């Protein structure tokens, strides 16, 4: 299925609360490749917009905080998926991968919080 059509169908399904599962490793690899391709295409646009828009550190802050909010929500969701995998006795390899993803997600939220703190004009604790 072409990238645009697949994305449209998946987007509509997601809005309706439906999730699509893929039966074969090939299908999963195709989805992963599509996601990567879409992200790479968007990255060039994001870089161009960010360069034009982010004139100083304070301009960077809203985007960093927005990304952190989304990552926190995604990590909370993944924690639920991990709990379900434990409770259902799903394969150890899957549980290990989910544990790694959750741990790295938490690490990413800490890094994004640090980046957000670096965007303020006056350092915390200064008397201005």
Protein backbone atom coordinates (compact mmCIF):
# COMPACT_ATOMS: atom_id res chain seq x y z
CA UNK A 1 0.00 0.00 0.00
CA UNK A 2 1.44 3.43 -0.85
CA UNK A 3 2.67 5.54 2.06
CA UNK A 4 0.03 8.30 1.75
CA UNK A 5 -2.89 5.90 1.52
CA UNK A 6 -1.64 3.77 4.39
CA UNK A 7 -1.17 6.86 6.55
CA UNK A 8 -4.68 8.13 5.73
CA UNK A 9 -6.31 4.81 6.53
CA UNK A 10 -4.30 4.41 9.72
CA UNK A 11 -5.06 8.00 10.72
CA UNK A 12 -8.81 7.52 10.30
CA UNK A 13 -8.69 4.20 12.14
CA UNK A 14 -6.76 5.80 14.99
CA UNK A 15 -9.31 8.61 15.28
CA UNK A 16 -12.03 5.99 15.62
CA UNK A 17 -10.07 4.21 18.33
CA UNK A 18 -9.20 1.24 16.14
CA UNK A 19 -5.77 -0.30 16.13
CA UNK A 20 -4.27 -2.32 13.35
CA UNK A 21 -2.12 -5.36 14.08
CA UNK A 22 0.26 -6.88 11.55
CA UNK A 23 0.62 -10.65 11.20
CA UNK A 24 4.07 -10.98 9.68
CA UNK A 25 7.55 -9.61 10.34
CA UNK A 26 7.53 -8.28 6.77
CA UNK A 27 4.43 -6.18 7.43
CA UNK A 28 5.93 -4.82 10.65
CA UNK A 29 9.18 -3.96 8.83
CA UNK A 30 7.18 -2.13 6.15
CA UNK A 31 5.39 -0.07 8.80
CA UNK A 32 8.68 0.71 10.55
CA UNK A 33 10.23 1.77 7.22
CA UNK A 34 7.22 3.98 6.42
CA UNK A 35 7.42 5.61 9.85
CA UNK A 36 11.13 6.28 9.40
CA UNK A 37 10.65 7.67 5.89
CA UNK A 38 7.87 9.98 7.06
CA UNK A 39 9.99 11.20 9.99
CA UNK A 40 13.01 11.83 7.75
CA UNK A 41 10.93 13.85 5.30
CA UNK A 42 9.44 15.86 8.16
CA UNK A 43 12.86 16.40 9.77
CA UNK A 44 14.04 18.63 6.95
CA UNK A 45 10.93 20.78 7.23
CA UNK A 46 11.21 20.92 11.03
CA UNK A 47 14.85 21.99 10.84
CA UNK A 48 14.06 24.75 8.38
CA UNK A 49 11.13 26.06 10.45
CA UNK A 50 13.06 25.82 13.71
CA UNK A 51 15.99 27.73 12.25
CA UNK A 52 13.70 30.53 11.13
CA UNK A 53 11.54 30.58 14.27
CA UNK A 54 13.91 29.83 17.17
CA UNK A 55 15.87 33.05 17.41
CA UNK A 56 16.94 32.47 21.02
CA UNK A 57 16.67 29.88 23.80
CA UNK A 58 13.32 31.16 25.05
CA UNK A 59 11.77 30.54 21.61
CA UNK A 60 12.88 26.90 21.84
CA UNK A 61 11.11 26.33 25.17
CA UNK A 62 7.47 25.83 24.02
CA UNK A 63 8.48 23.14 21.55
CA UNK A 64 10.64 21.31 24.08
CA UNK A 65 7.85 21.40 26.67
CA UNK A 66 5.31 20.16 24.11
CA UNK A 67 7.52 17.25 23.11
CA UNK A 68 8.09 16.34 26.77
CA UNK A 69 4.33 16.37 27.43
CA UNK A 70 3.76 13.96 24.52
CA UNK A 71 6.64 11.70 25.57
CA UNK A 72 5.31 11.54 29.14
CA UNK A 73 1.90 10.49 27.82
CA UNK A 74 3.47 7.88 25.54
CA UNK A 75 5.65 6.49 28.33
CA UNK A 76 2.60 6.21 30.61
CA UNK A 77 0.83 4.29 27.83
CA UNK A 78 3.86 2.03 27.35
CA UNK A 79 3.95 1.33 31.08
CA UNK A 80 0.39 0.08 30.79
CA UNK A 81 1.32 -2.09 27.82
CA UNK A 82 4.25 -3.47 29.81
CA UNK A 83 2.03 -4.25 32.80
CA UNK A 84 -0.38 -6.05 30.50
CA UNK A 85 2.48 -8.02 28.95
CA UNK A 86 3.64 -9.09 32.44
CA UNK A 87 0.13 -10.01 33.55
CA UNK A 88 -0.55 -12.05 30.41
CA UNK A 89 2.79 -13.85 30.51
CA UNK A 90 3.78 -12.64 27.06
CA UNK A 91 7.19 -13.60 25.63
CA UNK A 92 10.24 -12.57 27.65
CA UNK A 93 11.83 -10.89 24.61
CA UNK A 94 8.78 -8.64 24.21
CA UNK A 95 8.76 -7.75 27.91
CA UNK A 96 12.49 -6.95 27.82
CA UNK A 97 12.02 -4.70 24.80
CA UNK A 98 9.12 -2.91 26.46
CA UNK A 99 11.14 -2.47 29.67
CA UNK A 100 13.95 -0.93 27.62
CA UNK A 101 11.53 1.39 25.82
CA UNK A 102 9.92 2.54 29.08
CA UNK A 103 13.33 3.13 30.70
CA UNK A 104 14.58 5.12 27.72
CA UNK A 105 11.32 7.04 27.59
CA UNK A 106 11.80 8.10 31.20
CA UNK A 107 15.39 9.06 30.43
CA UNK A 108 14.16 11.16 27.49
CA UNK A 109 11.71 13.03 29.72
CA UNK A 110 14.56 13.88 32.11
CA UNK A 111 16.73 15.11 29.22
CA UNK A 112 13.88 17.21 27.85
CA UNK A 113 13.25 18.71 31.30
CA UNK A 114 16.94 19.62 31.49
CA UNK A 115 16.73 21.22 28.04
CA UNK A 116 13.63 23.19 29.08
CA UNK A 117 15.43 24.46 32.17
CA UNK A 118 18.26 25.70 29.93
CA UNK A 119 15.83 27.90 27.99
CA UNK A 120 15.02 30.31 30.80
CA UNK A 121 16.53 33.74 30.73
CA UNK A 122 17.52 33.80 34.42
CA UNK A 123 19.00 30.66 36.04
CA UNK A 124 16.95 29.16 38.91
CA UNK A 125 17.91 30.65 42.23
CA UNK A 126 19.16 33.98 40.87
CA UNK A 127 17.83 37.17 42.45
CA UNK A 128 16.37 39.28 39.64
